[in-house]
Amino acid sequence: MGDDDDTTPRELVHFITQQTRFSLLNDILAHPQQLPSMYELEELNPSVSDATVYKHIQKLINAGIVKEVALDDDQRRQDYPWKFYGLTDEGRKFLKTHNLLAAEETLQQIYDTISDKPEKMVKYENAPRPD
């Protein structure tokens, strides 16, 4: 995983559970399709800047935990997101091995109860995702 495969599982757990990164992973797990857009991740993390959200997502991608998936050109629609972020198979396996998926269902239930989502967020949430 990542650029240097010298990372021990313990170091990777530490890396993943850094507050912002762990929050982003939880947001991905809580999302109805487990594929939020960058805008949704930014909205769900109001206490950190958009640049910080982006930076930490990139770090998770580099570590092989998160992947960026995009809609094909012909599926893209104006005013809708076309790039989404989800767990890689390795990322999911790693989280599971280290008991970091235990709250997955709870996170989804909590997410479902957020009632004051901005209109744009609801629109983005319902945007088509890659298969």
Protein backbone atom coordinates (compact mmCIF):
# COMPACT_ATOMS: atom_id res chain seq x y z
CA MET A 1 0.00 0.00 0.00
CA GLY A 2 1.17 3.50 -0.73
CA ASP A 3 4.46 4.54 -2.25
CA ASP A 4 6.72 2.88 0.25
CA ASP A 5 5.67 -0.58 1.28
CA ASP A 6 7.65 -0.26 4.51
CA THR A 7 4.55 1.06 6.26
CA THR A 8 3.60 -1.25 9.09
CA PRO A 9 -0.10 -1.98 9.71
CA ARG A 10 0.22 -0.09 12.98
CA GLU A 11 1.56 2.99 11.20
CA LEU A 12 -1.23 2.73 8.67
CA VAL A 13 -3.86 2.52 11.43
CA HIS A 14 -2.31 5.62 12.98
CA PHE A 15 -2.34 7.35 9.58
CA ILE A 16 -5.98 6.44 8.91
CA THR A 17 -7.24 7.41 12.34
CA GLN A 18 -5.84 10.94 12.16
CA GLN A 19 -8.94 13.00 12.94
CA THR A 20 -9.68 14.54 9.54
CA ARG A 21 -8.82 11.42 7.56
CA PHE A 22 -10.89 9.20 9.84
CA SER A 23 -13.79 11.60 9.56
CA LEU A 24 -13.54 11.46 5.74
CA LEU A 25 -13.47 7.66 5.78
CA ASN A 26 -16.53 7.65 8.02
CA ASP A 27 -18.26 10.05 5.62
CA ILE A 28 -17.55 7.66 2.74
CA LEU A 29 -18.92 4.72 4.76
CA ALA A 30 -22.01 6.68 5.82
CA HIS A 31 -22.84 7.89 2.32
CA PRO A 32 -25.85 6.13 0.70
CA GLN A 33 -23.72 4.88 -2.22
CA GLN A 34 -20.44 5.06 -0.30
CA LEU A 35 -19.25 7.35 -3.09
CA PRO A 36 -19.51 10.97 -2.01
CA SER A 37 -18.37 13.84 -4.21
CA MET A 38 -15.73 16.33 -3.01
CA TYR A 39 -18.50 18.88 -2.38
CA GLU A 40 -20.35 16.46 -0.10
CA LEU A 41 -17.16 15.69 1.82
CA GLU A 42 -16.54 19.41 2.25
CA GLU A 43 -20.11 19.98 3.47
CA LEU A 44 -19.81 17.14 5.98
CA ASN A 45 -16.61 18.62 7.42
CA PRO A 46 -17.43 22.28 8.04
CA SER A 47 -14.72 22.65 10.68
CA VAL A 48 -11.89 22.13 8.19
CA SER A 49 -11.13 24.07 5.02
CA ASP A 50 -11.96 22.67 1.59
CA ALA A 51 -8.23 22.61 0.82
CA THR A 52 -7.62 20.44 3.89
CA VAL A 53 -10.39 18.02 2.88
CA TYR A 54 -8.84 17.74 -0.58
CA LYS A 55 -5.33 17.28 0.80
CA HIS A 56 -6.38 14.46 3.14
CA ILE A 57 -8.40 12.67 0.43
CA GLN A 58 -5.29 12.76 -1.77
CA LYS A 59 -3.23 11.29 1.09
CA LEU A 60 -5.77 8.47 1.49
CA ILE A 61 -5.64 7.85 -2.27
CA ASN A 62 -1.83 7.72 -2.18
CA ALA A 63 -2.03 5.24 0.69
CA GLY A 64 -4.26 2.97 -1.39
CA ILE A 65 -7.21 3.26 1.00
CA VAL A 66 -9.43 5.51 -1.13
CA LYS A 67 -9.95 5.62 -4.89
CA GLU A 68 -11.28 8.35 -7.12
CA VAL A 69 -13.90 7.18 -9.60
CA ALA A 70 -15.28 9.26 -12.44
CA LEU A 71 -18.27 9.07 -14.72
CA ASP A 72 -17.58 8.53 -18.40
CA ASP A 73 -17.82 11.67 -20.51
CA ASP A 74 -21.17 10.62 -21.98
CA GLN A 75 -22.66 10.12 -18.50
CA ARG A 76 -21.62 13.52 -17.17
CA ARG A 77 -24.36 16.05 -16.64
CA GLN A 78 -24.00 19.77 -16.26
CA ASP A 79 -24.29 21.04 -12.67
CA TYR A 80 -23.78 17.53 -11.31
CA PRO A 81 -20.63 16.04 -9.87
CA TRP A 82 -18.76 13.46 -11.97
CA LYS A 83 -15.91 12.56 -9.60
CA PHE A 84 -16.50 10.50 -6.50
CA TYR A 85 -14.47 8.97 -3.69
CA GLY A 86 -14.84 5.47 -2.35
CA LEU A 87 -12.88 2.81 -0.51
CA THR A 88 -10.56 0.56 -2.48
CA ASP A 89 -10.99 -3.18 -1.92
CA GLU A 90 -7.68 -3.16 -0.03
CA GLY A 91 -8.84 -0.18 2.01
CA ARG A 92 -12.08 -1.91 2.99
CA LYS A 93 -10.19 -5.09 3.86
CA PHE A 94 -7.70 -3.16 5.98
CA LEU A 95 -10.44 -1.27 7.85
CA LYS A 96 -12.26 -4.53 8.48
CA THR A 97 -9.14 -6.33 9.74
CA HIS A 98 -8.51 -3.52 12.22
CA ASN A 99 -12.13 -3.28 13.39
CA LEU A 100 -12.55 0.15 11.87
CA LEU A 101 -15.74 -0.85 10.02
CA ALA A 102 -17.69 -1.76 13.13
CA ALA A 103 -19.76 1.43 13.01
CA GLU A 104 -20.62 1.24 9.30
CA GLU A 105 -24.35 0.61 9.78
CA THR A 106 -24.64 3.15 12.58
CA LEU A 107 -22.90 5.76 10.43
CA GLN A 108 -25.40 5.11 7.64
CA GLN A 109 -28.34 5.44 10.02
CA ILE A 110 -27.00 8.70 11.41
CA TYR A 111 -26.44 10.00 7.88
CA ASP A 112 -30.05 9.20 7.01
CA THR A 113 -31.25 11.39 9.87
CA ILE A 114 -29.47 14.56 8.72
CA SER A 115 -32.48 16.63 7.81
CA ASP A 116 -31.06 20.11 7.21
CA LYS A 117 -28.88 19.26 4.23
CA PRO A 118 -28.47 22.05 1.70
CA GLU A 119 -30.41 21.58 -1.53
CA LYS A 120 -27.18 21.22 -3.52
CA MET A 121 -26.08 18.41 -1.24
CA VAL A 122 -29.31 16.46 -1.77
CA LYS A 123 -28.97 16.99 -5.51
CA TYR A 124 -25.34 15.77 -5.46
CA GLU A 125 -26.26 12.83 -3.28
CA ASN A 126 -28.75 11.68 -5.89
CA ALA A 127 -26.44 12.26 -8.84
CA PRO A 128 -25.64 9.23 -10.98
CA ARG A 129 -22.57 7.28 -9.91
CA PRO A 130 -20.25 5.05 -11.92
CA ASP A 131 -21.17 1.36 -11.68
